[in-house]
Protein backbone atom coordinates (compact mmCIF):
# COMPACT_ATOMS: atom_id res chain seq x y z
CA MET A 1 143.47 54.99 95.81
CA HIS A 2 142.64 55.76 92.42
CA THR A 3 142.67 53.22 89.76
CA VAL A 4 142.69 53.16 85.62
CA THR A 5 140.66 50.62 83.73
CA ALA A 6 142.63 49.55 80.90
CA LEU A 7 141.05 46.91 78.26
CA ALA A 8 143.05 44.49 76.50
CA GLY A 9 141.13 42.15 74.39
CA PRO A 10 138.05 40.55 75.84
CA ALA A 11 139.22 41.03 79.86
CA ALA A 12 139.85 44.40 81.57
CA ALA A 13 141.95 44.80 84.11
CA SER A 14 142.96 48.04 86.83
CA VAL A 15 145.87 49.23 87.59
CA PRO A 16 147.26 51.65 89.91
CA ALA A 17 147.23 55.53 88.92
CA ARG A 18 150.62 56.40 90.16
CA GLY A 19 152.42 53.46 88.31
CA GLY A 20 153.39 49.82 90.03
CA ALA A 21 154.07 46.75 88.03
CA PRO A 22 152.25 46.07 84.99
CA ALA A 23 149.33 44.01 85.05
CA THR A 24 148.04 41.52 82.91
CA ALA A 25 144.50 40.94 81.51
CA GLY A 26 143.97 37.00 81.50
CA GLY A 27 147.74 36.68 81.73
CA PRO A 28 149.56 34.83 78.75
CA ALA A 29 147.94 31.44 79.65
CA SER A 30 144.82 32.40 79.29
CA GLY A 31 145.08 34.54 76.22
CA GLY A 32 145.55 37.89 77.70
CA THR A 33 148.00 40.51 76.57
CA ALA A 34 150.27 42.28 79.16
CA LEU A 35 148.96 45.81 80.11
CA ALA A 36 151.79 48.65 79.84
CA ARG A 37 152.56 50.56 83.12
CA VAL A 38 150.68 53.74 83.76
CA PRO A 39 153.19 56.58 83.90
CA ARG A 40 152.76 58.64 87.29
CA ALA A 41 151.82 62.42 86.91
CA LEU A 42 154.86 64.60 87.81
CA SER A 43 153.85 67.12 90.40
CA SER A 44 155.99 70.30 91.63
CA ASP A 45 156.68 68.72 95.20
CA ASP A 46 157.70 65.31 94.25
CA PRO A 47 160.84 64.74 95.67
CA ASP A 48 162.74 63.22 92.68
CA LEU A 49 161.77 65.90 90.76
CA GLY A 50 165.17 66.86 89.18
CA ALA A 51 167.03 63.98 90.67
CA SER A 52 168.34 62.97 87.19
CA THR A 53 169.59 66.18 86.18
CA ALA A 54 171.75 66.43 89.14
CA GLU A 55 173.04 62.96 88.90
CA TYR A 56 174.02 63.71 85.15
CA ALA A 57 175.77 66.94 86.17
CA VAL A 58 178.01 65.41 88.66
CA ILE A 59 178.76 62.69 85.83
CA VAL A 60 179.62 64.94 83.71
CA LEU A 61 181.71 67.19 86.44
CA ALA A 62 183.82 64.42 87.54
CA ALA A 63 184.76 63.08 83.78
CA ALA A 64 185.71 66.67 83.49
CA ALA A 65 187.99 66.39 86.77
CA PHE A 66 189.32 62.95 85.48
CA GLY A 67 189.86 64.24 81.50
CA GLY A 68 191.54 67.33 83.15
CA VAL A 69 193.68 64.97 85.96
CA MET A 70 194.59 62.73 82.23
CA ALA A 71 195.10 65.45 80.65
CA ALA A 72 197.68 66.75 83.11
CA VAL A 73 199.93 63.72 83.64
CA LEU A 74 200.10 62.44 79.97
CA SER A 75 201.69 65.69 79.03
CA SER A 76 204.15 65.97 82.00
CA ASP A 77 208.36 65.26 81.01
CA SER A 78 208.60 61.55 82.78
CA VAL A 79 205.18 60.07 81.31
CA SER A 80 205.14 61.44 77.81
CA GLY A 81 209.25 59.91 77.79
CA MET A 82 207.71 56.48 79.18
CA LEU A 83 205.07 56.43 76.54
CA LEU A 84 207.88 57.55 74.07
CA GLY A 85 209.88 54.98 74.55
CA MET A 86 207.63 52.28 74.63
CA ILE A 87 206.24 53.41 71.39
CA GLN A 88 210.17 53.15 69.87
CA LYS A 89 209.93 49.95 71.23
CA ALA A 90 207.52 48.17 69.97
CA LEU A 91 208.34 49.88 66.38
CA SER A 92 211.49 48.22 66.21
CA PHE A 93 210.71 44.73 66.15
């Protein structure tokens, strides 16, 4: 595994090149500072490449389907009559 050496203050620390938990240089008790996480490089053979986009697409499709069902239910005669009755009752006080 390759490592990347980063300097923070007077101390140096090595962190894995493909990410992982952030390392600290000396720790807060000794006056050191926390090092930032090194982002892992993207490659075309990464199995997670595009996973977020596919998940967002599924969520958008589900939200559109739910919106369509809600529009159909709320525009039906029985539900619109019930909602109109509730509004009239609330305004008649």
